[in-house]
C-alpha atoms as a PDB file:
ATOM      1  CA  UNK A   1       0.000   0.000   0.000  1.00  0.00           C
ATOM      2  CA  UNK A   2       2.960   2.267   0.486  1.00  0.00           C
ATOM      3  CA  UNK A   3       4.350   3.884  -2.630  1.00  0.00           C
ATOM      4  CA  UNK A   4       7.917   4.021  -1.293  1.00  0.00           C
ATOM      5  CA  UNK A   5      10.387   2.383  -3.640  1.00  0.00           C
ATOM      6  CA  UNK A   6      13.581   1.332  -1.852  1.00  0.00           C
ATOM      7  CA  UNK A   7      17.003   1.547  -3.430  1.00  0.00           C
ATOM      8  CA  UNK A   8      18.208  -1.530  -5.296  1.00  0.00           C
ATOM      9  CA  UNK A   9      20.519  -3.773  -3.306  1.00  0.00           C
ATOM     10  CA  UNK A  10      21.834  -7.269  -3.578  1.00  0.00           C
ATOM     11  CA  UNK A  11      20.354 -10.132  -1.525  1.00  0.00           C
ATOM     12  CA  UNK A  12      22.134 -10.668   1.777  1.00  0.00           C
ATOM     13  CA  UNK A  13      23.510  -7.112   1.755  1.00  0.00           C
ATOM     14  CA  UNK A  14      23.277  -5.742   5.307  1.00  0.00           C
ATOM     15  CA  UNK A  15      22.262  -2.390   3.825  1.00  0.00           C
ATOM     16  CA  UNK A  16      19.366  -3.888   1.913  1.00  0.00           C
ATOM     17  CA  UNK A  17      16.151  -1.896   1.957  1.00  0.00           C
ATOM     18  CA  UNK A  18      14.173  -5.077   2.584  1.00  0.00           C
ATOM     19  CA  UNK A  19      14.141  -6.750   5.986  1.00  0.00           C
ATOM     20  CA  UNK A  20      13.818 -10.235   4.451  1.00  0.00           C
ATOM     21  CA  UNK A  21      17.072  -9.750   2.513  1.00  0.00           C
ATOM     22  CA  UNK A  22      18.887  -8.441   5.590  1.00  0.00           C
ATOM     23  CA  UNK A  23      17.632 -11.321   7.732  1.00  0.00           C
ATOM     24  CA  UNK A  24      16.558 -14.388   5.721  1.00  0.00           C
ATOM     25  CA  UNK A  25      16.360 -16.445   8.936  1.00  0.00           C
ATOM     26  CA  UNK A  26      13.662 -14.114  10.245  1.00  0.00           C
ATOM     27  CA  UNK A  27      11.695 -14.657   7.039  1.00  0.00           C
ATOM     28  CA  UNK A  28      11.967 -18.430   7.519  1.00  0.00           C
ATOM     29  CA  UNK A  29      10.727 -18.043  11.090  1.00  0.00           C
ATOM     30  CA  UNK A  30       7.774 -15.989   9.839  1.00  0.00           C
ATOM     31  CA  UNK A  31       6.955 -18.693   7.271  1.00  0.00           C
ATOM     32  CA  UNK A  32       7.051 -21.406   9.955  1.00  0.00           C
ATOM     33  CA  UNK A  33       4.805 -19.405  12.326  1.00  0.00           C
ATOM     34  CA  UNK A  34       2.303 -18.700   9.568  1.00  0.00           C
ATOM     35  CA  UNK A  35       2.282 -22.345   8.430  1.00  0.00           C
ATOM     36  CA  UNK A  36       1.514 -23.383  12.016  1.00  0.00           C
ATOM     37  CA  UNK A  37      -1.143 -20.795  12.872  1.00  0.00           C
ATOM     38  CA  UNK A  38      -2.555 -19.540   9.546  1.00  0.00           C
ATOM     39  CA  UNK A  39      -1.791 -22.234   6.954  1.00  0.00           C
ATOM     40  CA  UNK A  40      -4.309 -20.936   4.411  1.00  0.00           C
ATOM     41  CA  UNK A  41      -2.613 -17.530   4.151  1.00  0.00           C
ATOM     42  CA  UNK A  42      -0.402 -16.944   1.108  1.00  0.00           C
ATOM     43  CA  UNK A  43       2.843 -14.972   1.092  1.00  0.00           C
ATOM     44  CA  UNK A  44       3.017 -12.383  -1.691  1.00  0.00           C
ATOM     45  CA  UNK A  45       5.488  -9.742  -2.806  1.00  0.00           C
ATOM     46  CA  UNK A  46       4.055  -6.379  -3.833  1.00  0.00           C
ATOM     47  CA  UNK A  47       5.411  -4.377  -6.784  1.00  0.00           C
ATOM     48  CA  UNK A  48       7.372  -2.151  -4.396  1.00  0.00           C
ATOM     49  CA  UNK A  49       9.090  -5.205  -2.865  1.00  0.00           C
ATOM     50  CA  UNK A  50       7.159  -5.316   0.412  1.00  0.00           C
ATOM     51  CA  UNK A  51       5.999  -8.737   1.591  1.00  0.00           C
ATOM     52  CA  UNK A  52       2.509  -9.481   2.807  1.00  0.00           C
ATOM     53  CA  UNK A  53       0.291 -12.403   3.750  1.00  0.00           C
ATOM     54  CA  UNK A  54      -3.243 -12.523   2.360  1.00  0.00           C
ATOM     55  CA  UNK A  55      -5.980 -14.792   3.637  1.00  0.00           C
ATOM     56  CA  UNK A  56      -9.282 -14.961   5.451  1.00  0.00           C
ATOM     57  CA  UNK A  57     -10.340 -14.774   9.090  1.00  0.00           C
ATOM     58  CA  UNK A  58     -13.666 -15.872  10.546  1.00  0.00           C
ATOM     59  CA  UNK A  59     -13.345 -15.747  14.354  1.00  0.00           C
ATOM     60  CA  UNK A  60     -17.113 -15.924  14.987  1.00  0.00           C
ATOM     61  CA  UNK A  61     -17.763 -18.952  12.771  1.00  0.00           C
ATOM     62  CA  UNK A  62     -21.163 -19.142  11.116  1.00  0.00           C
ATOM     63  CA  UNK A  63     -22.421 -16.273  13.294  1.00  0.00           C
ATOM     64  CA  UNK A  64     -19.869 -13.869  11.806  1.00  0.00           C
ATOM     65  CA  UNK A  65     -18.500 -12.747   8.513  1.00  0.00           C
ATOM     66  CA  UNK A  66     -15.521 -13.872   6.506  1.00  0.00           C
ATOM     67  CA  UNK A  67     -12.854 -11.184   6.447  1.00  0.00           C
ATOM     68  CA  UNK A  68     -10.155 -11.054   3.778  1.00  0.00           C
ATOM     69  CA  UNK A  69      -7.129  -9.384   5.319  1.00  0.00           C
ATOM     70  CA  UNK A  70      -3.593  -8.470   4.377  1.00  0.00           C
ATOM     71  CA  UNK A  71      -0.735  -8.537   6.892  1.00  0.00           C
ATOM     72  CA  UNK A  72       1.774  -6.083   5.401  1.00  0.00           C
ATOM     73  CA  UNK A  73       5.384  -5.896   6.567  1.00  0.00           C
ATOM     74  CA  UNK A  74       6.969  -2.470   6.689  1.00  0.00           C
ATOM     75  CA  UNK A  75      10.529  -2.340   5.355  1.00  0.00           C
ATOM     76  CA  UNK A  76      11.843  -1.709   8.891  1.00  0.00           C
ATOM     77  CA  UNK A  77      10.498  -5.022  10.257  1.00  0.00           C
ATOM     78  CA  UNK A  78      11.061  -6.141  13.006  1.00  0.00           C
ATOM     79  CA  UNK A  79      10.424  -2.768  14.561  1.00  0.00           C
ATOM     80  CA  UNK A  80       7.861  -2.367  17.282  1.00  0.00           C
ATOM     81  CA  UNK A  81       9.183   0.923  18.627  1.00  0.00           C
ATOM     82  CA  UNK A  82       6.003   2.794  17.719  1.00  0.00           C
ATOM     83  CA  UNK A  83       2.303   2.201  18.357  1.00  0.00           C
ATOM     84  CA  UNK A  84       1.064  -0.149  15.638  1.00  0.00           C
ATOM     85  CA  UNK A  85       4.406  -1.836  14.967  1.00  0.00           C
ATOM     86  CA  UNK A  86       6.007  -2.817  11.654  1.00  0.00           C
ATOM     87  CA  UNK A  87       3.220  -5.188  10.560  1.00  0.00           C
ATOM     88  CA  UNK A  88      -0.086  -3.649   9.572  1.00  0.00           C
ATOM     89  CA  UNK A  89      -3.334  -5.616   9.223  1.00  0.00           C
ATOM     90  CA  UNK A  90      -5.488  -4.176   6.455  1.00  0.00           C
ATOM     91  CA  UNK A  91      -9.001  -5.593   6.102  1.00  0.00           C
ATOM     92  CA  UNK A  92      -9.647  -5.831   2.365  1.00  0.00           C
ATOM     93  CA  UNK A  93     -13.147  -7.281   2.500  1.00  0.00           C
ATOM     94  CA  UNK A  94     -15.014  -5.792   4.247  1.00  0.00           C
ATOM     95  CA  UNK A  95     -13.179  -2.557   3.554  1.00  0.00           C
ATOM     96  CA  UNK A  96     -12.133  -0.892   6.809  1.00  0.00           C
ATOM     97  CA  UNK A  97     -12.096   2.563   5.192  1.00  0.00           C
ATOM     98  CA  UNK A  98     -15.758   2.158   4.223  1.00  0.00           C
ATOM     99  CA  UNK A  99     -16.695   0.731   7.645  1.00  0.00           C
ATOM    100  CA  UNK A 100     -15.084   3.661   9.400  1.00  0.00           C
ATOM    101  CA  UNK A 101     -17.018   6.161   7.280  1.00  0.00           C
ATOM    102  CA  UNK A 102     -20.319   4.306   7.736  1.00  0.00           C
ATOM    103  CA  UNK A 103     -19.943   3.888  11.501  1.00  0.00           C
ATOM    104  CA  UNK A 104     -18.282   7.277  12.124  1.00  0.00           C
ATOM    105  CA  UNK A 105     -16.399   5.908  15.112  1.00  0.00           C
ATOM    106  CA  UNK A 106     -14.283   2.828  15.289  1.00  0.00           C
ATOM    107  CA  UNK A 107     -11.814   2.032  18.072  1.00  0.00           C
ATOM    108  CA  UNK A 108      -8.362   0.561  17.809  1.00  0.00           C
ATOM    109  CA  UNK A 109      -7.723   1.513  14.194  1.00  0.00           C
ATOM    110  CA  UNK A 110      -4.937   3.659  12.801  1.00  0.00           C
ATOM    111  CA  UNK A 111      -4.260   5.165   9.403  1.00  0.00           C
ATOM    112  CA  UNK A 112      -1.062   4.980   7.399  1.00  0.00           C
ATOM    113  CA  UNK A 113       0.739   7.773   5.545  1.00  0.00           C
ATOM    114  CA  UNK A 114      -1.687   7.520   2.596  1.00  0.00           C
ATOM    115  CA  UNK A 115      -4.790   7.416   4.833  1.00  0.00           C
ATOM    116  CA  UNK A 116      -5.644   3.735   4.573  1.00  0.00           C
ATOM    117  CA  UNK A 117      -7.070   2.453   7.856  1.00  0.00           C
ATOM    118  CA  UNK A 118      -5.714  -0.695   9.506  1.00  0.00           C
ATOM    119  CA  UNK A 119      -6.379  -2.589  12.716  1.00  0.00           C
ATOM    120  CA  UNK A 120      -4.092  -1.575  15.575  1.00  0.00           C
ATOM    121  CA  UNK A 121      -2.634  -4.901  16.653  1.00  0.00           C
ATOM    122  CA  UNK A 122       0.004  -3.716  19.114  1.00  0.00           C
ATOM    123  CA  UNK A 123      -0.524  -1.491  22.115  1.00  0.00           C
ATOM    124  CA  UNK A 124       1.712   1.145  23.644  1.00  0.00           C
ATOM    125  CA  UNK A 125       2.767  -1.282  26.407  1.00  0.00           C
ATOM    126  CA  UNK A 126       3.982  -3.748  23.755  1.00  0.00           C
ATOM    127  CA  UNK A 127       6.492  -1.308  22.267  1.00  0.00           C
ATOM    128  CA  UNK A 128       9.899  -2.959  21.802  1.00  0.00           C
ATOM    129  CA  UNK A 129       8.469  -6.496  21.873  1.00  0.00           C
ATOM    130  CA  UNK A 130       9.303  -8.312  18.641  1.00  0.00           C
ATOM    131  CA  UNK A 131       6.175  -9.583  16.948  1.00  0.00           C
ATOM    132  CA  UNK A 132       5.340 -11.678  13.899  1.00  0.00           C
ATOM    133  CA  UNK A 133       2.608 -11.642  11.261  1.00  0.00           C
ATOM    134  CA  UNK A 134       1.034 -14.579  13.107  1.00  0.00           C
ATOM    135  CA  UNK A 135       0.820 -12.636  16.389  1.00  0.00           C
ATOM    136  CA  UNK A 136      -0.652  -9.609  14.610  1.00  0.00           C
ATOM    137  CA  UNK A 137      -3.243 -11.801  12.881  1.00  0.00           C
ATOM    138  CA  UNK A 138      -4.199 -13.321  16.244  1.00  0.00           C
ATOM    139  CA  UNK A 139      -4.818  -9.809  17.584  1.00  0.00           C
ATOM    140  CA  UNK A 140      -6.755  -8.882  14.426  1.00  0.00           C
ATOM    141  CA  UNK A 141      -8.944 -11.969  14.945  1.00  0.00           C
ATOM    142  CA  UNK A 142      -9.672 -10.772  18.477  1.00  0.00           C
ATOM    143  CA  UNK A 143     -10.554  -7.287  17.157  1.00  0.00           C
ATOM    144  CA  UNK A 144     -12.897  -8.770  14.507  1.00  0.00           C
ATOM    145  CA  UNK A 145     -14.544 -10.999  17.140  1.00  0.00           C
ATOM    146  CA  UNK A 146     -15.188  -7.987  19.372  1.00  0.00           C
ATOM    147  CA  UNK A 147     -16.235  -5.744  16.468  1.00  0.00           C
ATOM    148  CA  UNK A 148     -18.851  -8.220  15.260  1.00  0.00           C
ATOM    149  CA  UNK A 149     -20.081  -8.661  18.848  1.00  0.00           C
ATOM    150  CA  UNK A 150     -20.359  -4.887  19.233  1.00  0.00           C
ATOM    151  CA  UNK A 151     -22.363  -4.663  15.991  1.00  0.00           C
ATOM    152  CA  UNK A 152     -24.823  -7.379  17.068  1.00  0.00           C
ATOM    153  CA  UNK A 153     -25.122  -5.993  20.607  1.00  0.00           C
ATOM    154  CA  UNK A 154     -23.555  -8.920  22.453  1.00  0.00           C
ATOM    155  CA  UNK A 155     -20.505  -6.825  23.442  1.00  0.00           C
ATOM    156  CA  UNK A 156     -20.931  -3.402  25.013  1.00  0.00           C
ATOM    157  CA  UNK A 157     -19.467  -0.267  23.503  1.00  0.00           C
ATOM    158  CA  UNK A 158     -17.570   0.274  26.747  1.00  0.00           C
ATOM    159  CA  UNK A 159     -15.921  -3.116  26.441  1.00  0.00           C
ATOM    160  CA  UNK A 160     -15.109  -2.784  22.732  1.00  0.00           C
ATOM    161  CA  UNK A 161     -13.929   0.814  22.887  1.00  0.00           C
ATOM    162  CA  UNK A 162     -11.991   0.305  26.104  1.00  0.00           C
ATOM    163  CA  UNK A 163      -9.207  -2.082  26.844  1.00  0.00           C
ATOM    164  CA  UNK A 164     -11.359  -4.435  28.935  1.00  0.00           C
ATOM    165  CA  UNK A 165     -11.189  -7.526  26.749  1.00  0.00           C
END
């Protein structure tokens, strides 16, 4: 989703613009975690070189919807020194940008530098904890579960909008 185009480098170069070239072992660890926890997700490389996982989540089963999401790695991964971290979870279907407009208020979402909204999957107290796409997708599943419960009235606004879950 970012339009940043990093400088060309050679694989394995410590000055590579891409985290997965700087640390191929980390990429292998990410692949193992995703195979264990989200085996239906597919790893893709975007035109700008960023990696992402695309797949579906359905934490509420037949009572909920099927969400197509993208877990996008920032080029500075692993970096969790800021709120939101270096992995962003973008709901593709349903579209989070459209949901936010329709509902006017939506907790625990952030927007990127080109104003696309994504689910905030790390909290301020988790800063400097290394996370993976799998851990971010687990948190996104929790957010979707609570969001759908808030929409159907089974979860209070106080609970969903607060940090009481």
